[in-house]
């Protein structure tokens, strides 16, 4: 009984044959265009964020300098 069942199960499962159509699994020109657009968008966003961070840092440094100068003027006026 067991031998017949093993033979039946072994015979019932054929080995898969890899026949995949390459056109169905490759992105093609449209996929390339989408990925290129996403890459360009990421580069632009990184560039813009770096510019904004640089501006904010410079503004902060200028504000610190102005505050220090104002503090020195106030200290000189009181003395």
N, C-alpha and C. Protein backbone atom coordinates (compact mmCIF):
# COMPACT_ATOMS: atom_id res chain seq x y z
N UNK A 1 0.82 -1.19 0.00
CA UNK A 1 0.00 0.00 0.00
C UNK A 1 0.87 1.26 0.00
N UNK A 2 1.86 1.29 0.88
CA UNK A 2 2.73 2.45 0.95
C UNK A 2 3.53 2.62 -0.33
N UNK A 3 3.98 1.54 -0.87
CA UNK A 3 4.77 1.59 -2.10
C UNK A 3 3.93 2.17 -3.25
N UNK A 4 2.69 1.80 -3.33
CA UNK A 4 1.81 2.30 -4.39
C UNK A 4 1.54 3.79 -4.21
N UNK A 5 1.38 4.23 -2.97
CA UNK A 5 1.13 5.64 -2.68
C UNK A 5 2.36 6.49 -3.02
N UNK A 6 3.54 6.02 -2.67
CA UNK A 6 4.77 6.74 -2.97
C UNK A 6 4.97 6.82 -4.48
N UNK A 7 4.70 5.74 -5.17
CA UNK A 7 4.83 5.73 -6.63
C UNK A 7 3.83 6.69 -7.26
N UNK A 8 2.62 6.75 -6.75
CA UNK A 8 1.59 7.63 -7.28
C UNK A 8 1.96 9.10 -7.05
N UNK A 9 2.45 9.43 -5.86
CA UNK A 9 2.82 10.81 -5.55
C UNK A 9 4.03 11.23 -6.38
N UNK A 10 5.00 10.36 -6.52
CA UNK A 10 6.19 10.67 -7.29
C UNK A 10 5.86 10.84 -8.76
N UNK A 11 4.93 10.08 -9.27
CA UNK A 11 4.57 10.17 -10.68
C UNK A 11 3.65 11.35 -10.95
N UNK A 12 2.90 11.80 -9.95
CA UNK A 12 1.92 12.86 -10.15
C UNK A 12 2.55 14.25 -10.17
N UNK A 13 3.75 14.41 -9.66
CA UNK A 13 4.37 15.74 -9.63
C UNK A 13 5.46 15.82 -10.68
N UNK A 14 5.15 16.38 -11.82
CA UNK A 14 6.17 16.52 -12.86
C UNK A 14 7.15 17.64 -12.48
N UNK A 15 8.34 17.53 -13.00
CA UNK A 15 9.32 18.58 -12.72
C UNK A 15 8.98 19.81 -13.56
N UNK A 16 9.06 20.99 -12.96
CA UNK A 16 8.70 22.21 -13.70
C UNK A 16 9.73 22.54 -14.77
N UNK A 17 9.25 23.03 -15.86
CA UNK A 17 10.11 23.41 -16.98
C UNK A 17 10.17 24.94 -17.01
N UNK A 18 11.36 25.52 -16.90
CA UNK A 18 11.45 26.98 -16.87
C UNK A 18 11.24 27.59 -18.26
N UNK A 19 10.03 27.93 -18.56
CA UNK A 19 9.72 28.59 -19.83
C UNK A 19 9.05 29.92 -19.52
N UNK A 20 9.85 30.92 -19.20
CA UNK A 20 9.33 32.24 -18.88
C UNK A 20 9.60 33.15 -20.06
N UNK A 21 8.57 33.86 -20.46
CA UNK A 21 8.71 34.80 -21.56
C UNK A 21 9.49 36.03 -21.06
N UNK A 22 10.63 36.34 -21.65
CA UNK A 22 11.43 37.47 -21.17
C UNK A 22 10.70 38.81 -21.26
N UNK A 23 9.76 38.93 -22.18
CA UNK A 23 9.01 40.18 -22.30
C UNK A 23 8.08 40.41 -21.12
N UNK A 24 7.71 39.36 -20.44
CA UNK A 24 6.80 39.49 -19.30
C UNK A 24 7.52 39.85 -18.00
N UNK A 25 8.81 39.63 -17.92
CA UNK A 25 9.53 39.86 -16.67
C UNK A 25 10.53 41.01 -16.73
N UNK A 26 10.71 41.65 -17.87
CA UNK A 26 11.63 42.78 -17.97
C UNK A 26 10.82 44.07 -17.95
N UNK A 27 11.37 45.14 -17.40
CA UNK A 27 10.61 46.38 -17.30
C UNK A 27 10.43 47.09 -18.64
N UNK A 28 11.36 46.92 -19.54
CA UNK A 28 11.25 47.56 -20.84
C UNK A 28 11.58 49.04 -20.79
N UNK A 29 11.34 49.74 -21.88
CA UNK A 29 11.67 51.17 -21.95
C UNK A 29 10.85 52.02 -20.98
N UNK A 30 9.60 51.65 -20.78
CA UNK A 30 8.75 52.42 -19.87
C UNK A 30 9.27 52.30 -18.44
N UNK A 31 9.64 51.11 -18.04
CA UNK A 31 10.20 50.92 -16.70
C UNK A 31 11.50 51.68 -16.52
N UNK A 32 12.33 51.68 -17.55
CA UNK A 32 13.58 52.44 -17.47
C UNK A 32 13.29 53.92 -17.32
N UNK A 33 12.33 54.43 -18.08
CA UNK A 33 11.98 55.86 -18.00
C UNK A 33 11.46 56.22 -16.62
N UNK A 34 10.66 55.35 -16.03
CA UNK A 34 10.12 55.63 -14.70
C UNK A 34 11.24 55.65 -13.67
N UNK A 35 12.14 54.69 -13.72
CA UNK A 35 13.26 54.65 -12.77
C UNK A 35 14.18 55.85 -12.98
N UNK A 36 14.43 56.24 -14.22
CA UNK A 36 15.27 57.42 -14.49
C UNK A 36 14.60 58.68 -13.94
N UNK A 37 13.30 58.80 -14.10
CA UNK A 37 12.57 59.96 -13.56
C UNK A 37 12.65 60.00 -12.04
N UNK A 38 12.48 58.86 -11.40
CA UNK A 38 12.57 58.80 -9.94
C UNK A 38 13.98 59.18 -9.48
N UNK A 39 14.99 58.70 -10.18
CA UNK A 39 16.38 59.03 -9.82
C UNK A 39 16.63 60.53 -9.96
N UNK A 40 16.15 61.13 -11.04
CA UNK A 40 16.32 62.58 -11.22
C UNK A 40 15.57 63.36 -10.15
N UNK A 41 14.38 62.91 -9.79
CA UNK A 41 13.61 63.58 -8.75
C UNK A 41 14.34 63.51 -7.41
N UNK A 42 14.92 62.37 -7.09
CA UNK A 42 15.66 62.23 -5.83
C UNK A 42 16.88 63.14 -5.83
N UNK A 43 17.60 63.21 -6.94
CA UNK A 43 18.78 64.09 -7.03
C UNK A 43 18.35 65.54 -6.83
N UNK A 44 17.27 65.95 -7.48
CA UNK A 44 16.78 67.32 -7.32
C UNK A 44 16.37 67.60 -5.88
N UNK A 45 15.66 66.68 -5.25
CA UNK A 45 15.23 66.88 -3.87
C UNK A 45 16.41 66.98 -2.91
N UNK A 46 17.43 66.16 -3.11
CA UNK A 46 18.62 66.22 -2.25
C UNK A 46 19.33 67.56 -2.46
N UNK A 47 19.46 67.99 -3.70
CA UNK A 47 20.10 69.27 -4.00
C UNK A 47 19.34 70.42 -3.35
N UNK A 48 18.02 70.42 -3.46
CA UNK A 48 17.20 71.48 -2.88
C UNK A 48 17.29 71.47 -1.35
N UNK A 49 17.27 70.30 -0.75
CA UNK A 49 17.36 70.22 0.71
C UNK A 49 18.71 70.72 1.21
N UNK A 50 19.78 70.39 0.51
CA UNK A 50 21.11 70.88 0.90
C UNK A 50 21.16 72.41 0.83
N UNK A 51 20.55 72.97 -0.20
CA UNK A 51 20.51 74.43 -0.35
C UNK A 51 19.74 75.07 0.80
N UNK A 52 18.61 74.49 1.16
CA UNK A 52 17.81 75.04 2.26
C UNK A 52 18.54 74.92 3.60
N UNK A 53 19.20 73.81 3.82
CA UNK A 53 19.95 73.63 5.07
C UNK A 53 21.09 74.63 5.15
N UNK A 54 21.79 74.83 4.04
CA UNK A 54 22.89 75.80 4.00
C UNK A 54 22.38 77.21 4.31
N UNK A 55 21.26 77.59 3.70
CA UNK A 55 20.69 78.92 3.96
C UNK A 55 20.30 79.09 5.42
N UNK A 56 19.67 78.08 6.00
CA UNK A 56 19.26 78.16 7.40
C UNK A 56 20.47 78.27 8.32
N UNK A 57 21.53 77.53 8.02
CA UNK A 57 22.74 77.58 8.85
C UNK A 57 23.37 78.97 8.77
N UNK A 58 23.46 79.53 7.57
CA UNK A 58 24.07 80.85 7.40
C UNK A 58 23.22 81.91 8.09
N UNK A 59 21.89 81.82 7.97
CA UNK A 59 21.02 82.77 8.67
C UNK A 59 21.22 82.69 10.17
N UNK A 60 21.35 81.49 10.69
CA UNK A 60 21.57 81.32 12.12
C UNK A 60 22.88 81.94 12.57
N UNK A 61 23.94 81.75 11.78
CA UNK A 61 25.23 82.34 12.12
C UNK A 61 25.16 83.86 12.10
N UNK A 62 24.48 84.42 11.10
CA UNK A 62 24.35 85.88 11.01
C UNK A 62 23.54 86.41 12.19
N UNK A 63 22.46 85.72 12.54
CA UNK A 63 21.66 86.15 13.69
C UNK A 63 22.47 86.10 14.98
N UNK A 64 23.31 85.08 15.15
CA UNK A 64 24.16 85.00 16.33
C UNK A 64 25.14 86.17 16.37
N UNK A 65 25.72 86.52 15.23
CA UNK A 65 26.65 87.65 15.17
C UNK A 65 25.94 88.96 15.51
N UNK A 66 24.74 89.15 14.95
CA UNK A 66 23.99 90.37 15.24
C UNK A 66 23.60 90.45 16.70
N UNK A 67 23.20 89.33 17.27
CA UNK A 67 22.85 89.31 18.70
C UNK A 67 24.06 89.63 19.56
N UNK A 68 25.23 89.09 19.20
CA UNK A 68 26.45 89.37 19.96
C UNK A 68 26.83 90.84 19.85
N UNK A 69 26.71 91.43 18.65
CA UNK A 69 27.02 92.85 18.48
C UNK A 69 26.05 93.71 19.27
N UNK A 70 24.78 93.35 19.25
CA UNK A 70 23.78 94.10 20.00
C UNK A 70 24.05 94.00 21.50
N UNK A 71 24.43 92.83 21.95
CA UNK A 71 24.75 92.64 23.37
C UNK A 71 25.96 93.48 23.76
N UNK A 72 26.97 93.55 22.88
CA UNK A 72 28.16 94.36 23.17
C UNK A 72 27.79 95.84 23.23
N UNK A 73 26.93 96.32 22.34
CA UNK A 73 26.50 97.72 22.36
C UNK A 73 25.73 98.03 23.64
N UNK A 74 24.87 97.10 24.05
CA UNK A 74 24.11 97.30 25.28
C UNK A 74 25.04 97.34 26.49
N UNK A 75 26.05 96.46 26.50
CA UNK A 75 27.00 96.44 27.62
C UNK A 75 27.84 97.71 27.64
N UNK A 76 28.24 98.21 26.46
CA UNK A 76 29.04 99.44 26.39
C UNK A 76 28.20 100.65 26.79
N UNK A 77 26.94 100.67 26.51
CA UNK A 77 26.07 101.79 26.85
C UNK A 77 25.81 101.86 28.34
N UNK A 78 25.81 100.78 29.03
CA UNK A 78 25.56 100.75 30.47
C UNK A 78 26.79 101.14 31.28
N UNK A 79 27.95 100.91 30.72
CA UNK A 79 29.19 101.14 31.48
C UNK A 79 29.54 102.57 31.58
